[in-house]
Amino acid sequence: MIGTIIGAIVAGLIIGALGRLILPGKQNISIVMTIVIGIIASLVATLILGGIFGYGNDNGGVRWWYWIVSAILAAVGIVGYGRISKKSV
């Protein structure tokens, strides 16, 4: 259980950072919000790819589609958070 939580935090950090790298310029959000947005983006990407489209990566290896879709969703989430909180993104 604790390993899953730590894994989600690390994945959220990586995905949130990738989302911030996609966006040009400086984003005025904290590292905690970056992690939270990354975790949410990862969960939504898993729901979209796994639940709706049935993508299972049967060949093994790295699940690149999950990472790509998660990073794009994180970028969208960062822009959305910036607009809601009135911070320039």
PDB file of N, CA and C in Angstrom:
ATOM      1  N   MET A   1       0.824  -1.197   0.000  1.00  0.00           N
ATOM      2  CA  MET A   1       0.000   0.000   0.000  1.00  0.00           C
ATOM      3  C   MET A   1       0.864   1.256   0.000  1.00  0.00           C
ATOM      4  N   ILE A   2       1.862   1.323   0.869  1.00  0.00           N
ATOM      5  CA  ILE A   2       2.715   2.510   0.937  1.00  0.00           C
ATOM      6  C   ILE A   2       3.555   2.632  -0.325  1.00  0.00           C
ATOM      7  N   GLY A   3       3.931   1.485  -0.904  1.00  0.00           N
ATOM      8  CA  GLY A   3       4.682   1.501  -2.158  1.00  0.00           C
ATOM      9  C   GLY A   3       3.861   2.057  -3.304  1.00  0.00           C
ATOM     10  N   THR A   4       2.582   1.755  -3.322  1.00  0.00           N
ATOM     11  CA  THR A   4       1.687   2.271  -4.354  1.00  0.00           C
ATOM     12  C   THR A   4       1.552   3.788  -4.239  1.00  0.00           C
ATOM     13  N   ILE A   5       1.433   4.281  -3.018  1.00  0.00           N
ATOM     14  CA  ILE A   5       1.312   5.723  -2.798  1.00  0.00           C
ATOM     15  C   ILE A   5       2.586   6.442  -3.218  1.00  0.00           C
ATOM     16  N   ILE A   6       3.730   5.897  -2.834  1.00  0.00           N
ATOM     17  CA  ILE A   6       5.008   6.501  -3.216  1.00  0.00           C
ATOM     18  C   ILE A   6       5.182   6.451  -4.730  1.00  0.00           C
ATOM     19  N   GLY A   7       4.794   5.339  -5.344  1.00  0.00           N
ATOM     20  CA  GLY A   7       4.865   5.222  -6.801  1.00  0.00           C
ATOM     21  C   GLY A   7       3.985   6.231  -7.498  1.00  0.00           C
ATOM     22  N   ALA A   8       2.787   6.474  -6.981  1.00  0.00           N
ATOM     23  CA  ALA A   8       1.879   7.458  -7.571  1.00  0.00           C
ATOM     24  C   ALA A   8       2.454   8.865  -7.453  1.00  0.00           C
ATOM     25  N   ILE A   9       3.093   9.157  -6.331  1.00  0.00           N
ATOM     26  CA  ILE A   9       3.706  10.477  -6.142  1.00  0.00           C
ATOM     27  C   ILE A   9       4.866  10.674  -7.110  1.00  0.00           C
ATOM     28  N   VAL A  10       5.713   9.667  -7.252  1.00  0.00           N
ATOM     29  CA  VAL A  10       6.857   9.764  -8.170  1.00  0.00           C
ATOM     30  C   VAL A  10       6.365   9.884  -9.615  1.00  0.00           C
ATOM     31  N   ALA A  11       5.383   9.056  -9.997  1.00  0.00           N
ATOM     32  CA  ALA A  11       4.833   9.140 -11.356  1.00  0.00           C
ATOM     33  C   ALA A  11       4.178  10.497 -11.579  1.00  0.00           C
ATOM     34  N   GLY A  12       3.464  11.012 -10.578  1.00  0.00           N
ATOM     35  CA  GLY A  12       2.841  12.327 -10.687  1.00  0.00           C
ATOM     36  C   GLY A  12       3.870  13.430 -10.861  1.00  0.00           C
ATOM     37  N   LEU A  13       4.990  13.313 -10.165  1.00  0.00           N
ATOM     38  CA  LEU A  13       6.060  14.293 -10.300  1.00  0.00           C
ATOM     39  C   LEU A  13       6.633  14.272 -11.710  1.00  0.00           C
ATOM     40  N   ILE A  14       6.899  13.083 -12.226  1.00  0.00           N
ATOM     41  CA  ILE A  14       7.466  12.962 -13.564  1.00  0.00           C
ATOM     42  C   ILE A  14       6.477  13.445 -14.624  1.00  0.00           C
ATOM     43  N   ILE A  15       5.241  13.009 -14.521  1.00  0.00           N
ATOM     44  CA  ILE A  15       4.235  13.391 -15.517  1.00  0.00           C
ATOM     45  C   ILE A  15       3.925  14.880 -15.428  1.00  0.00           C
ATOM     46  N   GLY A  16       3.843  15.423 -14.221  1.00  0.00           N
ATOM     47  CA  GLY A  16       3.638  16.858 -14.056  1.00  0.00           C
ATOM     48  C   GLY A  16       4.787  17.666 -14.636  1.00  0.00           C
ATOM     49  N   ALA A  17       6.014  17.192 -14.422  1.00  0.00           N
ATOM     50  CA  ALA A  17       7.186  17.877 -14.985  1.00  0.00           C
ATOM     51  C   ALA A  17       7.166  17.811 -16.509  1.00  0.00           C
ATOM     52  N   LEU A  18       6.781  16.663 -17.074  1.00  0.00           N
ATOM     53  CA  LEU A  18       6.666  16.561 -18.526  1.00  0.00           C
ATOM     54  C   LEU A  18       5.594  17.504 -19.053  1.00  0.00           C
ATOM     55  N   GLY A  19       4.489  17.609 -18.329  1.00  0.00           N
ATOM     56  CA  GLY A  19       3.439  18.547 -18.718  1.00  0.00           C
ATOM     57  C   GLY A  19       3.917  19.985 -18.701  1.00  0.00           C
ATOM     58  N   ARG A  20       4.735  20.326 -17.712  1.00  0.00           N
ATOM     59  CA  ARG A  20       5.268  21.690 -17.646  1.00  0.00           C
ATOM     60  C   ARG A  20       6.287  21.938 -18.748  1.00  0.00           C
ATOM     61  N   LEU A  21       7.043  20.893 -19.141  1.00  0.00           N
ATOM     62  CA  LEU A  21       8.013  21.050 -20.222  1.00  0.00           C
ATOM     63  C   LEU A  21       7.341  21.257 -21.571  1.00  0.00           C
ATOM     64  N   ILE A  22       6.157  20.706 -21.742  1.00  0.00           N
ATOM     65  CA  ILE A  22       5.432  20.868 -22.997  1.00  0.00           C
ATOM     66  C   ILE A  22       5.021  22.324 -23.194  1.00  0.00           C
ATOM     67  N   LEU A  23       4.670  22.994 -22.111  1.00  0.00           N
ATOM     68  CA  LEU A  23       4.186  24.372 -22.190  1.00  0.00           C
ATOM     69  C   LEU A  23       5.351  25.353 -22.321  1.00  0.00           C
ATOM     70  N   PRO A  24       5.214  26.357 -23.189  1.00  0.00           N
ATOM     71  CA  PRO A  24       6.267  27.368 -23.287  1.00  0.00           C
ATOM     72  C   PRO A  24       6.186  28.359 -22.123  1.00  0.00           C
ATOM     73  N   GLY A  25       7.306  28.932 -21.769  1.00  0.00           N
ATOM     74  CA  GLY A  25       7.325  29.958 -20.731  1.00  0.00           C
ATOM     75  C   GLY A  25       7.357  29.382 -19.326  1.00  0.00           C
ATOM     76  N   LYS A  26       7.156  30.288 -18.360  1.00  0.00           N
ATOM     77  CA  LYS A  26       7.212  29.917 -16.946  1.00  0.00           C
ATOM     78  C   LYS A  26       5.806  29.712 -16.420  1.00  0.00           C
ATOM     79  N   GLN A  27       5.635  28.643 -15.642  1.00  0.00           N
ATOM     80  CA  GLN A  27       4.349  28.381 -15.013  1.00  0.00           C
ATOM     81  C   GLN A  27       4.457  28.718 -13.530  1.00  0.00           C
ATOM     82  N   ASN A  28       3.522  29.488 -13.041  1.00  0.00           N
ATOM     83  CA  ASN A  28       3.539  29.938 -11.655  1.00  0.00           C
ATOM     84  C   ASN A  28       2.690  29.029 -10.768  1.00  0.00           C
ATOM     85  N   ILE A  29       3.069  27.763 -10.694  1.00  0.00           N
ATOM     86  CA  ILE A  29       2.379  26.845  -9.792  1.00  0.00           C
ATOM     87  C   ILE A  29       3.421  26.127  -8.951  1.00  0.00           C
ATOM     88  N   SER A  30       2.988  25.658  -7.807  1.00  0.00           N
ATOM     89  CA  SER A  30       3.915  25.004  -6.888  1.00  0.00           C
ATOM     90  C   SER A  30       4.201  23.578  -7.330  1.00  0.00           C
ATOM     91  N   ILE A  31       5.244  22.996  -6.757  1.00  0.00           N
ATOM     92  CA  ILE A  31       5.607  21.615  -7.052  1.00  0.00           C
ATOM     93  C   ILE A  31       4.526  20.653  -6.554  1.00  0.00           C
ATOM     94  N   VAL A  32       3.857  21.011  -5.471  1.00  0.00           N
ATOM     95  CA  VAL A  32       2.781  20.160  -4.952  1.00  0.00           C
ATOM     96  C   VAL A  32       1.627  20.096  -5.949  1.00  0.00           C
ATOM     97  N   MET A  33       1.249  21.244  -6.523  1.00  0.00           N
ATOM     98  CA  MET A  33       0.185  21.240  -7.527  1.00  0.00           C
ATOM     99  C   MET A  33       0.627  20.520  -8.792  1.00  0.00           C
ATOM    100  N   THR A  34       1.906  20.614  -9.131  1.00  0.00           N
ATOM    101  CA  THR A  34       2.421  19.876 -10.282  1.00  0.00           C
ATOM    102  C   THR A  34       2.255  18.380 -10.067  1.00  0.00           C
ATOM    103  N   ILE A  35       2.580  17.905  -8.861  1.00  0.00           N
ATOM    104  CA  ILE A  35       2.430  16.485  -8.542  1.00  0.00           C
ATOM    105  C   ILE A  35       0.965  16.075  -8.567  1.00  0.00           C
ATOM    106  N   VAL A  36       0.102  16.892  -7.965  1.00  0.00           N
ATOM    107  CA  VAL A  36      -1.333  16.573  -7.927  1.00  0.00           C
ATOM    108  C   VAL A  36      -1.907  16.509  -9.338  1.00  0.00           C
ATOM    109  N   ILE A  37      -1.569  17.491 -10.174  1.00  0.00           N
ATOM    110  CA  ILE A  37      -2.056  17.499 -11.556  1.00  0.00           C
ATOM    111  C   ILE A  37      -1.493  16.302 -12.315  1.00  0.00           C
ATOM    112  N   GLY A  38      -0.239  15.945 -12.066  1.00  0.00           N
ATOM    113  CA  GLY A  38       0.361  14.784 -12.718  1.00  0.00           C
ATOM    114  C   GLY A  38      -0.320  13.486 -12.324  1.00  0.00           C
ATOM    115  N   ILE A  39      -0.656  13.339 -11.042  1.00  0.00           N
ATOM    116  CA  ILE A  39      -1.352  12.136 -10.575  1.00  0.00           C
ATOM    117  C   ILE A  39      -2.737  12.048 -11.204  1.00  0.00           C
ATOM    118  N   ILE A  40      -3.452  13.161 -11.228  1.00  0.00           N
ATOM    119  CA  ILE A  40      -4.787  13.172 -11.826  1.00  0.00           C
ATOM    120  C   ILE A  40      -4.703  12.862 -13.320  1.00  0.00           C
ATOM    121  N   ALA A  41      -3.719  13.451 -14.011  1.00  0.00           N
ATOM    122  CA  ALA A  41      -3.549  13.192 -15.442  1.00  0.00           C
ATOM    123  C   ALA A  41      -3.233  11.721 -15.693  1.00  0.00           C
ATOM    124  N   SER A  42      -2.426  11.128 -14.839  1.00  0.00           N
ATOM    125  CA  SER A  42      -2.097   9.710 -14.984  1.00  0.00           C
ATOM    126  C   SER A  42      -3.322   8.830 -14.798  1.00  0.00           C
ATOM    127  N   LEU A  43      -4.125   9.143 -13.800  1.00  0.00           N
ATOM    128  CA  LEU A  43      -5.349   8.370 -13.567  1.00  0.00           C
ATOM    129  C   LEU A  43      -6.335   8.502 -14.725  1.00  0.00           C
ATOM    130  N   VAL A  44      -6.493   9.722 -15.238  1.00  0.00           N
ATOM    131  CA  VAL A  44      -7.415   9.935 -16.349  1.00  0.00           C
ATOM    132  C   VAL A  44      -6.910   9.221 -17.605  1.00  0.00           C
ATOM    133  N   ALA A  45      -5.594   9.265 -17.861  1.00  0.00           N
ATOM    134  CA  ALA A  45      -5.035   8.563 -19.018  1.00  0.00           C
ATOM    135  C   ALA A  45      -5.239   7.057 -18.893  1.00  0.00           C
ATOM    136  N   THR A  46      -5.091   6.528 -17.686  1.00  0.00           N
ATOM    137  CA  THR A  46      -5.320   5.102 -17.466  1.00  0.00           C
ATOM    138  C   THR A  46      -6.783   4.750 -17.717  1.00  0.00           C
ATOM    139  N   LEU A  47      -7.693   5.597 -17.260  1.00  0.00           N
ATOM    140  CA  LEU A  47      -9.110   5.358 -17.508  1.00  0.00           C
ATOM    141  C   LEU A  47      -9.440   5.424 -18.995  1.00  0.00           C
ATOM    142  N   ILE A  48      -8.878   6.413 -19.684  1.00  0.00           N
ATOM    143  CA  ILE A  48      -9.176   6.576 -21.103  1.00  0.00           C
ATOM    144  C   ILE A  48      -8.589   5.416 -21.911  1.00  0.00           C
ATOM    145  N   LEU A  49      -7.295   5.161 -21.754  1.00  0.00           N
ATOM    146  CA  LEU A  49      -6.649   4.146 -22.579  1.00  0.00           C
ATOM    147  C   LEU A  49      -7.016   2.729 -22.166  1.00  0.00           C
ATOM    148  N   GLY A  50      -7.039   2.466 -20.883  1.00  0.00           N
ATOM    149  CA  GLY A  50      -7.317   1.113 -20.420  1.00  0.00           C
ATOM    150  C   GLY A  50      -8.785   0.781 -20.363  1.00  0.00           C
ATOM    151  N   GLY A  51      -9.569   1.691 -19.794  1.00  0.00           N
ATOM    152  CA  GLY A  51     -10.984   1.417 -19.590  1.00  0.00           C
ATOM    153  C   GLY A  51     -11.833   1.563 -20.832  1.00  0.00           C
ATOM    154  N   ILE A  52     -11.627   2.646 -21.569  1.00  0.00           N
ATOM    155  CA  ILE A  52     -12.484   2.921 -22.716  1.00  0.00           C
ATOM    156  C   ILE A  52     -11.979   2.224 -23.980  1.00  0.00           C
ATOM    157  N   PHE A  53     -10.674   2.367 -24.264  1.00  0.00           N
ATOM    158  CA  PHE A  53     -10.136   1.813 -25.502  1.00  0.00           C
ATOM    159  C   PHE A  53      -9.558   0.409 -25.334  1.00  0.00           C
ATOM    160  N   GLY A  54      -9.402  -0.066 -24.118  1.00  0.00           N
ATOM    161  CA  GLY A  54      -8.930  -1.422 -23.883  1.00  0.00           C
ATOM    162  C   GLY A  54      -7.464  -1.649 -24.195  1.00  0.00           C
ATOM    163  N   TYR A  55      -6.648  -0.590 -24.171  1.00  0.00           N
ATOM    164  CA  TYR A  55      -5.222  -0.731 -24.444  1.00  0.00           C
ATOM    165  C   TYR A  55      -4.559  -1.440 -23.276  1.00  0.00           C
ATOM    166  N   GLY A  56      -3.867  -2.532 -23.554  1.00  0.00           N
ATOM    167  CA  GLY A  56      -3.264  -3.302 -22.481  1.00  0.00           C
ATOM    168  C   GLY A  56      -1.773  -3.504 -22.605  1.00  0.00           C
ATOM    169  N   ASN A  57      -1.158  -3.091 -23.729  1.00  0.00           N
ATOM    170  CA  ASN A  57       0.270  -3.256 -23.943  1.00  0.00           C
ATOM    171  C   ASN A  57       0.667  -4.720 -23.760  1.00  0.00           C
ATOM    172  N   ASP A  58       0.099  -5.584 -24.564  1.00  0.00           N
ATOM    173  CA  ASP A  58       0.303  -7.017 -24.435  1.00  0.00           C
ATOM    174  C   ASP A  58       1.727  -7.467 -24.745  1.00  0.00           C
ATOM    175  N   ASN A  59       2.490  -6.656 -25.448  1.00  0.00           N
ATOM    176  CA  ASN A  59       3.847  -7.033 -25.813  1.00  0.00           C
ATOM    177  C   ASN A  59       4.851  -6.761 -24.705  1.00  0.00           C
ATOM    178  N   GLY A  60       4.438  -6.108 -23.636  1.00  0.00           N
ATOM    179  CA  GLY A  60       5.347  -5.774 -22.538  1.00  0.00           C
ATOM    180  C   GLY A  60       6.120  -4.508 -22.839  1.00  0.00           C
ATOM    181  N   GLY A  61       7.099  -4.224 -22.010  1.00  0.00           N
ATOM    182  CA  GLY A  61       7.899  -3.028 -22.201  1.00  0.00           C
ATOM    183  C   GLY A  61       7.250  -1.810 -21.562  1.00  0.00           C
ATOM    184  N   VAL A  62       7.734  -0.660 -21.964  1.00  0.00           N
ATOM    185  CA  VAL A  62       7.236   0.603 -21.416  1.00  0.00           C
ATOM    186  C   VAL A  62       5.915   0.947 -22.092  1.00  0.00           C
ATOM    187  N   ARG A  63       4.975   1.386 -21.319  1.00  0.00           N
ATOM    188  CA  ARG A  63       3.680   1.793 -21.858  1.00  0.00           C
ATOM    189  C   ARG A  63       3.757   3.243 -22.309  1.00  0.00           C
ATOM    190  N   TRP A  64       4.336   3.428 -23.499  1.00  0.00           N
ATOM    191  CA  TRP A  64       4.583   4.777 -23.980  1.00  0.00           C
ATOM    192  C   TRP A  64       3.313   5.578 -24.156  1.00  0.00           C
ATOM    193  N   TRP A  65       2.228   4.981 -24.610  1.00  0.00           N
ATOM    194  CA  TRP A  65       0.993   5.727 -24.821  1.00  0.00           C
ATOM    195  C   TRP A  65       0.463   6.308 -23.523  1.00  0.00           C
ATOM    196  N   TYR A  66       0.605   5.572 -22.427  1.00  0.00           N
ATOM    197  CA  TYR A  66       0.174   6.100 -21.130  1.00  0.00           C
ATOM    198  C   TYR A  66       0.979   7.350 -20.774  1.00  0.00           C
ATOM    199  N   TRP A  67       2.295   7.306 -20.981  1.00  0.00           N
ATOM    200  CA  TRP A  67       3.141   8.446 -20.638  1.00  0.00           C
ATOM    201  C   TRP A  67       2.839   9.647 -21.535  1.00  0.00           C
ATOM    202  N   ILE A  68       2.650   9.404 -22.825  1.00  0.00           N
ATOM    203  CA  ILE A  68       2.391  10.500 -23.756  1.00  0.00           C
ATOM    204  C   ILE A  68       1.050  11.165 -23.459  1.00  0.00           C
ATOM    205  N   VAL A  69       0.010  10.357 -23.330  1.00  0.00           N
ATOM    206  CA  VAL A  69      -1.318  10.908 -23.049  1.00  0.00           C
ATOM    207  C   VAL A  69      -1.340  11.579 -21.676  1.00  0.00           C
ATOM    208  N   SER A  70      -0.665  10.996 -20.697  1.00  0.00           N
ATOM    209  CA  SER A  70      -0.607  11.599 -19.360  1.00  0.00           C
ATOM    210  C   SER A  70       0.076  12.959 -19.389  1.00  0.00           C
ATOM    211  N   ALA A  71       1.175  13.078 -20.124  1.00  0.00           N
ATOM    212  CA  ALA A  71       1.891  14.360 -20.203  1.00  0.00           C
ATOM    213  C   ALA A  71       1.036  15.423 -20.882  1.00  0.00           C
ATOM    214  N   ILE A  72       0.322  15.038 -21.936  1.00  0.00           N
ATOM    215  CA  ILE A  72      -0.559  15.997 -22.613  1.00  0.00           C
ATOM    216  C   ILE A  72      -1.695  16.434 -21.687  1.00  0.00           C
ATOM    217  N   LEU A  73      -2.285  15.467 -20.981  1.00  0.00           N
ATOM    218  CA  LEU A  73      -3.357  15.808 -20.042  1.00  0.00           C
ATOM    219  C   LEU A  73      -2.829  16.673 -18.890  1.00  0.00           C
ATOM    220  N   ALA A  74      -1.591  16.427 -18.458  1.00  0.00           N
ATOM    221  CA  ALA A  74      -1.000  17.259 -17.412  1.00  0.00           C
ATOM    222  C   ALA A  74      -0.814  18.686 -17.903  1.00  0.00           C
ATOM    223  N   ALA A  75      -0.371  18.858 -19.152  1.00  0.00           N
ATOM    224  CA  ALA A  75      -0.216  20.202 -19.715  1.00  0.00           C
ATOM    225  C   ALA A  75      -1.562  20.914 -19.764  1.00  0.00           C
ATOM    226  N   VAL A  76      -2.598  20.195 -20.179  1.00  0.00           N
ATOM    227  CA  VAL A  76      -3.939  20.773 -20.207  1.00  0.00           C
ATOM    228  C   VAL A  76      -4.391  21.127 -18.787  1.00  0.00           C
ATOM    229  N   GLY A  77      -4.097  20.249 -17.837  1.00  0.00           N
ATOM    230  CA  GLY A  77      -4.457  20.511 -16.441  1.00  0.00           C
ATOM    231  C   GLY A  77      -3.734  21.707 -15.864  1.00  0.00           C
ATOM    232  N   ILE A  78      -2.479  21.887 -16.225  1.00  0.00           N
ATOM    233  CA  ILE A  78      -1.709  23.036 -15.732  1.00  0.00           C
ATOM    234  C   ILE A  78      -2.286  24.338 -16.297  1.00  0.00           C
ATOM    235  N   VAL A  79      -2.629  24.332 -17.584  1.00  0.00           N
ATOM    236  CA  VAL A  79      -3.244  25.521 -18.174  1.00  0.00           C
ATOM    237  C   VAL A  79      -4.590  25.801 -17.507  1.00  0.00           C
ATOM    238  N   GLY A  80      -5.381  24.746 -17.299  1.00  0.00           N
ATOM    239  CA  GLY A  80      -6.679  24.911 -16.642  1.00  0.00           C
ATOM    240  C   GLY A  80      -6.544  25.437 -15.226  1.00  0.00           C
ATOM    241  N   TYR A  81      -5.585  24.903 -14.489  1.00  0.00           N
ATOM    242  CA  TYR A  81      -5.352  25.383 -13.126  1.00  0.00           C
ATOM    243  C   TYR A  81      -4.909  26.848 -13.134  1.00  0.00           C
ATOM    244  N   GLY A  82      -4.057  27.205 -14.079  1.00  0.00           N
ATOM    245  CA  GLY A  82      -3.602  28.599 -14.176  1.00  0.00           C
ATOM    246  C   GLY A  82      -4.740  29.550 -14.470  1.00  0.00           C
ATOM    247  N   ARG A  83      -5.671  29.135 -15.312  1.00  0.00           N
ATOM    248  CA  ARG A  83      -6.812  30.003 -15.636  1.00  0.00           C
ATOM    249  C   ARG A  83      -7.794  30.098 -14.473  1.00  0.00           C
ATOM    250  N   ILE A  84      -7.998  28.995 -13.777  1.00  0.00           N
ATOM    251  CA  ILE A  84      -8.912  29.025 -12.637  1.00  0.00           C
ATOM    252  C   ILE A  84      -8.351  29.853 -11.499  1.00  0.00           C
ATOM    253  N   SER A  85      -7.047  29.697 -11.232  1.00  0.00           N
ATOM    254  CA  SER A  85      -6.434  30.404 -10.106  1.00  0.00           C
ATOM    255  C   SER A  85      -5.944  31.797 -10.489  1.00  0.00           C
ATOM    256  N   LYS A  86      -6.178  32.205 -11.721  1.00  0.00           N
ATOM    257  CA  LYS A  86      -5.796  33.534 -12.218  1.00  0.00           C
ATOM    258  C   LYS A  86      -4.284  33.755 -12.222  1.00  0.00           C
ATOM    259  N   LYS A  87      -3.521  32.656 -12.371  1.00  0.00           N
ATOM    260  CA  LYS A  87      -2.069  32.762 -12.510  1.00  0.00           C
ATOM    261  C   LYS A  87      -1.733  32.594 -13.970  1.00  0.00           C
ATOM    262  N   SER A  88      -0.758  33.354 -14.446  1.00  0.00           N
ATOM    263  CA  SER A  88      -0.409  33.276 -15.859  1.00  0.00           C
ATOM    264  C   SER A  88       0.325  31.979 -16.151  1.00  0.00           C
ATOM    265  N   VAL A  89      -0.179  31.260 -17.134  1.00  0.00           N
ATOM    266  CA  VAL A  89       0.458  30.012 -17.554  1.00  0.00           C
ATOM    267  C   VAL A  89       0.702  30.075 -19.029  1.00  0.00           C
TER     268      VAL A  89
END
